[in-house]
């Protein structure tokens, strides 16, 4: 689709105004995305009456579990699929252009830590490596292949080998980033504490039922206390093609393609205007131009001038209104 290709080129060039491009993408998706168009009809939204970014409705993320969400007529090159939990329907995100996803992911990482080519990239992502179609594995694998350090690579459950590699990187003075899912990082640093203040650890969230859920603050304190490392968080979703990163203040920063909005818990169509109150987190992801760029997540969060926070998940009762709308689609 010509419009999609043109917008992707502009995103990769970085030559655009965020608000204006969001409105342009909305005009395309409201016309050429069947699921999004039906949703807009259901909530009585007339796309021609939307003139500001703040007026754009957000599609409930649950629809990626039950519908193929795409803009225009194209065949997916592959699918990204969520891990989900036992008995739950996983989300599936049709990917129109893997190279575009990887290059956009590179842009966000560069904004946070620089070019991955200059880092040794290590990854402790067992729950993701054990299944296919993980967007996180795809991204980290891309970074590993860009790295100039042959030491870069994935680790499954061989914590002893990973410990040895980290010691080797520290001894050689190699700048090192360790990506890890939360439960695996806790398991690793409990078994192999170290003092490695030059290390950067990027936790990607998720206990995946392996350990009791804890707050991000507690997770960061545990990792930092057992490694002396710089600890970061990465926020990404199967249904998004962009990521955001946070450091110790746990504010996920805006990037060239990500902005957040917050909606009332009780009504996903109403922006949360009460100062300091957490609400349903909505994300504008310009990189989702081939699917849907306006996603109402299942996360609770707060708006910040330079980004957003993530403070837990909505419970089932809070999703009831959205569930009814999803069923109608």
Protein backbone atom coordinates (compact mmCIF):
# COMPACT_ATOMS: atom_id res chain seq x y z
CA UNK A 1 0.00 0.00 0.00
CA UNK A 2 1.58 3.24 -1.19
CA UNK A 3 0.50 5.35 1.81
CA UNK A 4 2.01 2.87 4.29
CA UNK A 5 5.33 2.69 2.44
CA UNK A 6 5.53 6.48 2.26
CA UNK A 7 4.86 6.86 5.99
CA UNK A 8 7.43 4.20 6.91
CA UNK A 9 10.10 6.06 4.94
CA UNK A 10 9.26 9.27 6.78
CA UNK A 11 9.43 7.51 10.15
CA UNK A 12 12.86 6.08 9.38
CA UNK A 13 14.06 9.48 8.17
CA UNK A 14 12.89 11.18 11.39
CA UNK A 15 11.59 14.13 9.37
CA UNK A 16 8.06 14.63 10.70
CA UNK A 17 5.93 16.23 13.39
CA UNK A 18 4.53 13.57 15.75
CA UNK A 19 1.02 15.01 16.13
CA UNK A 20 0.61 15.69 12.42
CA UNK A 21 1.80 12.25 11.40
CA UNK A 22 -0.46 10.60 13.99
CA UNK A 23 -3.45 12.36 12.42
CA UNK A 24 -2.30 11.34 8.96
CA UNK A 25 -2.00 7.71 10.04
CA UNK A 26 -5.43 7.90 11.69
CA UNK A 27 -6.95 9.09 8.42
CA UNK A 28 -5.42 6.10 6.61
CA UNK A 29 -6.27 3.49 9.25
CA UNK A 30 -9.83 4.70 9.85
CA UNK A 31 -10.47 4.14 6.15
CA UNK A 32 -8.40 1.05 5.29
CA UNK A 33 -8.36 -0.96 8.55
CA UNK A 34 -11.57 -3.03 8.65
CA UNK A 35 -11.44 -3.85 12.38
CA UNK A 36 -10.56 -0.30 13.44
CA UNK A 37 -13.26 1.13 11.17
CA UNK A 38 -15.89 -1.18 12.72
CA UNK A 39 -14.74 -0.15 16.18
CA UNK A 40 -15.05 3.54 15.30
CA UNK A 41 -18.57 2.89 14.02
CA UNK A 42 -19.43 1.06 17.24
CA UNK A 43 -18.40 4.02 19.41
CA UNK A 44 -20.06 6.50 17.03
CA UNK A 45 -16.83 8.18 15.97
CA UNK A 46 -16.84 10.02 12.67
CA UNK A 47 -13.21 10.13 11.45
CA UNK A 48 -13.89 13.32 9.51
CA UNK A 49 -14.63 15.05 12.82
CA UNK A 50 -11.26 14.15 14.36
CA UNK A 51 -8.93 17.13 14.00
CA UNK A 52 -6.57 16.81 16.99
CA UNK A 53 -4.40 13.94 18.15
CA UNK A 54 -6.16 14.05 21.54
CA UNK A 55 -9.45 13.15 19.81
CA UNK A 56 -8.22 9.89 18.25
CA UNK A 57 -9.91 6.76 19.75
CA UNK A 58 -7.77 3.83 20.90
CA UNK A 59 -8.47 0.23 19.85
CA UNK A 60 -8.65 -2.30 22.75
CA UNK A 61 -5.55 -4.47 22.61
CA UNK A 62 -7.68 -7.58 23.21
CA UNK A 63 -8.76 -7.52 19.57
CA UNK A 64 -5.32 -8.79 18.56
CA UNK A 65 -6.31 -12.07 20.23
CA UNK A 66 -9.41 -12.63 18.11
CA UNK A 67 -8.99 -10.65 14.87
CA UNK A 68 -6.31 -9.98 12.29
CA UNK A 69 -5.70 -6.28 12.68
CA UNK A 70 -4.17 -4.77 9.57
CA UNK A 71 -4.40 -1.68 7.41
CA UNK A 72 -4.65 -2.29 3.70
CA UNK A 73 -4.31 -5.52 1.74
CA UNK A 74 -0.99 -7.28 2.25
CA UNK A 75 0.33 -10.70 3.22
CA UNK A 76 2.24 -10.96 6.51
CA UNK A 77 5.93 -11.80 6.30
CA UNK A 78 5.57 -13.39 9.77
CA UNK A 79 3.58 -13.15 13.01
CA UNK A 80 4.60 -11.99 16.45
CA UNK A 81 2.75 -13.90 19.16
CA UNK A 82 2.40 -13.26 22.89
CA UNK A 83 3.27 -15.87 25.48
CA UNK A 84 -0.01 -15.49 27.38
CA UNK A 85 -0.83 -17.84 30.22
CA UNK A 86 -2.16 -21.38 30.21
CA UNK A 87 -5.66 -21.53 28.75
CA UNK A 88 -5.59 -17.98 27.40
CA UNK A 89 -5.78 -17.00 23.77
CA UNK A 90 -2.45 -15.43 22.72
CA UNK A 91 -2.28 -12.16 20.83
CA UNK A 92 -1.04 -12.29 17.25
CA UNK A 93 0.45 -9.32 15.45
CA UNK A 94 0.79 -9.61 11.69
CA UNK A 95 4.14 -8.16 10.58
CA UNK A 96 4.20 -6.51 7.18
CA UNK A 97 7.90 -5.58 7.16
CA UNK A 98 10.40 -7.18 9.58
CA UNK A 99 13.24 -4.92 8.47
CA UNK A 100 11.18 -1.85 9.37
CA UNK A 101 10.47 -3.27 12.84
CA UNK A 102 14.13 -3.96 13.47
CA UNK A 103 15.33 -0.57 12.23
CA UNK A 104 12.71 1.20 14.34
CA UNK A 105 13.75 -0.84 17.40
CA UNK A 106 17.34 0.17 16.72
CA UNK A 107 16.33 3.84 16.80
CA UNK A 108 14.81 3.52 20.30
CA UNK A 109 17.84 1.65 21.67
CA UNK A 110 20.20 4.23 20.20
CA UNK A 111 18.24 6.99 21.94
CA UNK A 112 18.68 5.21 25.27
CA UNK A 113 22.15 3.63 25.19
CA UNK A 114 23.67 4.28 21.78
CA UNK A 115 24.44 1.92 18.92
CA UNK A 116 24.24 -1.77 19.93
CA UNK A 117 27.23 -2.32 17.63
CA UNK A 118 29.34 -0.78 20.38
CA UNK A 119 28.02 -3.09 23.11
CA UNK A 120 28.40 -6.76 23.87
CA UNK A 121 24.76 -7.86 23.90
CA UNK A 122 23.94 -10.77 26.21
CA UNK A 123 20.40 -12.09 26.63
CA UNK A 124 18.82 -14.21 29.36
CA UNK A 125 15.35 -14.78 27.90
CA UNK A 126 14.45 -18.44 28.50
CA UNK A 127 10.66 -18.13 28.39
CA UNK A 128 10.89 -16.28 25.07
CA UNK A 129 13.49 -18.53 23.47
CA UNK A 130 11.34 -21.56 24.31
CA UNK A 131 8.60 -20.44 21.93
CA UNK A 132 8.45 -19.12 18.41
CA UNK A 133 7.31 -15.73 17.13
CA UNK A 134 8.67 -13.55 19.96
CA UNK A 135 9.12 -9.91 18.99
CA UNK A 136 11.58 -9.46 21.87
CA UNK A 137 13.81 -12.30 20.66
CA UNK A 138 13.66 -10.90 17.13
CA UNK A 139 14.78 -7.47 18.35
CA UNK A 140 17.59 -8.72 20.60
CA UNK A 141 18.82 -11.12 17.92
CA UNK A 142 19.07 -8.16 15.55
CA UNK A 143 21.13 -6.26 18.13
CA UNK A 144 23.38 -9.27 18.71
CA UNK A 145 24.13 -9.54 15.00
CA UNK A 146 24.94 -5.81 14.87
CA UNK A 147 27.35 -6.03 17.80
CA UNK A 148 31.05 -5.99 16.94
CA UNK A 149 31.75 -8.28 19.90
CA UNK A 150 31.83 -12.02 19.19
CA UNK A 151 30.98 -12.62 22.86
CA UNK A 152 27.36 -11.49 22.24
CA UNK A 153 24.69 -14.17 22.42
CA UNK A 154 21.65 -15.80 24.03
CA UNK A 155 21.60 -17.92 27.18
CA UNK A 156 18.86 -20.33 28.16
CA UNK A 157 19.43 -21.85 31.61
CA UNK A 158 23.23 -22.13 31.68
CA UNK A 159 23.78 -19.55 34.41
CA UNK A 160 27.31 -20.74 35.08
CA UNK A 161 28.29 -20.05 31.47
CA UNK A 162 26.66 -16.61 31.57
CA UNK A 163 28.49 -15.79 34.80
CA UNK A 164 31.77 -16.75 33.21
CA UNK A 165 31.04 -14.59 30.17
CA UNK A 166 30.18 -11.58 32.34
CA UNK A 167 33.42 -12.04 34.28
CA UNK A 168 35.31 -12.20 30.99
CA UNK A 169 33.66 -9.00 29.71
CA UNK A 170 34.45 -7.23 32.97
CA UNK A 171 38.07 -8.36 32.89
CA UNK A 172 38.49 -7.20 29.27
CA UNK A 173 36.66 -3.92 29.84
CA UNK A 174 34.03 -4.71 27.19
CA UNK A 175 30.93 -2.47 27.43
CA UNK A 176 28.14 -4.95 28.14
CA UNK A 177 24.33 -4.98 28.15
CA UNK A 178 22.40 -7.90 29.63
CA UNK A 179 18.76 -8.22 28.52
CA UNK A 180 16.72 -10.46 30.79
CA UNK A 181 13.22 -11.49 31.73
CA UNK A 182 12.52 -10.68 35.37
CA UNK A 183 12.31 -14.18 36.87
CA UNK A 184 15.48 -15.31 35.08
CA UNK A 185 17.44 -12.28 36.25
CA UNK A 186 16.36 -12.93 39.84
CA UNK A 187 17.33 -16.59 39.59
CA UNK A 188 20.69 -15.69 38.08
CA UNK A 189 21.76 -12.94 40.47
CA UNK A 190 20.60 -14.93 43.51
CA UNK A 191 22.92 -17.75 42.43
CA UNK A 192 25.75 -15.59 41.06
CA UNK A 193 26.05 -12.23 42.83
CA UNK A 194 28.84 -10.01 41.54
CA UNK A 195 30.22 -6.52 41.70
CA UNK A 196 30.07 -5.23 38.13
CA UNK A 197 29.23 -1.49 38.22
CA UNK A 198 29.99 -1.06 34.50
CA UNK A 199 27.27 -3.56 33.52
CA UNK A 200 23.92 -2.38 32.16
CA UNK A 201 20.99 -4.73 32.89
CA UNK A 202 17.76 -4.27 30.92
CA UNK A 203 14.87 -6.13 32.51
CA UNK A 204 11.97 -6.84 30.17
CA UNK A 205 9.40 -7.60 32.89
CA UNK A 206 7.45 -10.78 33.37
CA UNK A 207 7.56 -13.48 36.02
CA UNK A 208 5.67 -15.76 33.59
CA UNK A 209 4.24 -17.69 36.53
CA UNK A 210 7.74 -18.78 37.59
CA UNK A 211 8.00 -16.55 40.66
CA UNK A 212 5.80 -14.32 42.79
CA UNK A 213 5.15 -10.93 41.21
CA UNK A 214 7.01 -8.02 42.79
CA UNK A 215 7.15 -4.31 42.02
CA UNK A 216 9.66 -2.97 39.52
CA UNK A 217 11.21 -0.93 42.32
CA UNK A 218 11.86 -4.10 44.32
CA UNK A 219 13.15 -5.93 41.24
CA UNK A 220 15.60 -3.14 40.42
CA UNK A 221 16.79 -2.96 44.02
CA UNK A 222 17.40 -6.69 44.09
CA UNK A 223 19.38 -6.70 40.82
CA UNK A 224 21.37 -3.60 41.73
CA UNK A 225 22.11 -4.92 45.21
CA UNK A 226 23.53 -8.17 43.85
CA UNK A 227 25.42 -6.76 40.87
CA UNK A 228 26.05 -3.02 41.42
CA UNK A 229 24.92 -2.69 37.80
CA UNK A 230 22.94 0.07 36.12
CA UNK A 231 19.38 -1.29 35.89
CA UNK A 232 16.94 -0.29 33.14
CA UNK A 233 13.45 -1.40 32.10
CA UNK A 234 12.23 -2.07 28.58
CA UNK A 235 8.55 -1.67 27.70
CA UNK A 236 7.36 -3.48 24.62
CA UNK A 237 4.38 -5.55 23.58
CA UNK A 238 3.53 -8.11 20.94
CA UNK A 239 0.95 -5.64 19.63
CA UNK A 240 3.48 -2.79 19.24
CA UNK A 241 6.44 -2.29 16.92
CA UNK A 242 8.12 0.28 19.17
CA UNK A 243 9.80 0.09 22.56
CA UNK A 244 10.47 2.54 25.35
CA UNK A 245 13.14 2.39 28.04
CA UNK A 246 13.26 3.57 31.65
CA UNK A 247 16.05 4.00 34.17
CA UNK A 248 15.89 4.22 37.97
CA UNK A 249 12.98 6.69 38.05
CA UNK A 250 10.88 4.12 36.11
CA UNK A 251 9.53 6.70 33.66
CA UNK A 252 9.43 5.21 30.18
CA UNK A 253 10.59 7.98 27.91
CA UNK A 254 8.90 9.21 24.77
CA UNK A 255 10.64 8.18 21.58
CA UNK A 256 10.30 9.27 17.97
CA UNK A 257 7.39 6.82 17.54
CA UNK A 258 5.82 6.39 21.02
CA UNK A 259 3.53 8.65 23.05
CA UNK A 260 1.12 7.76 25.87
CA UNK A 261 -2.34 8.84 26.94
CA UNK A 262 -4.26 7.81 30.05
CA UNK A 263 -7.99 7.00 30.21
CA UNK A 264 -10.44 6.48 33.04
CA UNK A 265 -10.56 2.96 34.45
CA UNK A 266 -14.35 2.94 34.36
CA UNK A 267 -14.68 4.27 30.80
CA UNK A 268 -11.97 3.67 28.19
CA UNK A 269 -13.38 6.43 25.98
CA UNK A 270 -12.86 9.19 28.55
CA UNK A 271 -9.39 10.70 29.15
CA UNK A 272 -8.24 10.68 32.78
CA UNK A 273 -8.05 14.35 33.74
CA UNK A 274 -7.60 14.02 37.50
CA UNK A 275 -4.02 15.00 38.26
CA UNK A 276 -1.79 12.21 39.52
CA UNK A 277 -4.41 9.47 39.10
CA UNK A 278 -3.47 6.22 37.38
CA UNK A 279 -5.68 5.08 34.53
CA UNK A 280 -5.84 2.84 31.49
CA UNK A 281 -2.72 3.31 29.44
CA UNK A 282 -3.18 4.10 25.76
CA UNK A 283 -0.20 4.15 23.44
CA UNK A 284 0.28 5.82 20.09
CA UNK A 285 2.82 3.81 18.12
CA UNK A 286 3.49 5.43 14.76
CA UNK A 287 5.46 2.35 13.71
CA UNK A 288 2.22 0.33 13.77
CA UNK A 289 1.23 2.04 10.54
CA UNK A 290 0.44 -1.28 8.82
CA UNK A 291 -1.79 -2.50 11.68
CA UNK A 292 -3.20 -0.01 14.23
CA UNK A 293 -1.23 2.83 15.80
CA UNK A 294 -3.67 3.60 18.61
CA UNK A 295 -3.75 0.85 21.24
CA UNK A 296 -5.61 0.78 24.55
CA UNK A 297 -3.49 -1.55 26.67
CA UNK A 298 -4.34 -3.71 29.68
CA UNK A 299 -1.88 -1.73 31.80
CA UNK A 300 -2.43 0.94 34.41
CA UNK A 301 -0.19 3.94 34.10
CA UNK A 302 0.32 7.63 34.65
CA UNK A 303 1.13 10.32 32.13
CA UNK A 304 4.41 12.19 32.45
CA UNK A 305 5.55 15.22 30.44
CA UNK A 306 8.43 13.22 28.99
CA UNK A 307 6.84 9.78 28.97
CA UNK A 308 4.72 7.46 31.13
CA UNK A 309 4.82 5.04 34.02
CA UNK A 310 3.43 1.50 34.19
CA UNK A 311 1.86 0.54 37.51
CA UNK A 312 0.22 -2.82 37.16
CA UNK A 313 -2.57 -4.46 35.19
CA UNK A 314 -6.29 -3.87 35.01
CA UNK A 315 -8.38 -6.52 36.69
CA UNK A 316 -11.17 -8.38 34.91
CA UNK A 317 -13.94 -6.16 36.26
CA UNK A 318 -12.21 -3.05 34.93
CA UNK A 319 -12.09 -4.61 31.47
CA UNK A 320 -15.79 -5.52 31.42
CA UNK A 321 -16.85 -2.54 29.29
CA UNK A 322 -14.14 -3.22 26.75
CA UNK A 323 -15.05 -6.90 26.67
CA UNK A 324 -18.57 -6.08 25.58
CA UNK A 325 -17.31 -3.91 22.74
CA UNK A 326 -14.83 -6.61 21.63
CA UNK A 327 -17.63 -9.17 21.49
CA UNK A 328 -19.61 -6.90 19.18
CA UNK A 329 -16.71 -6.92 16.74
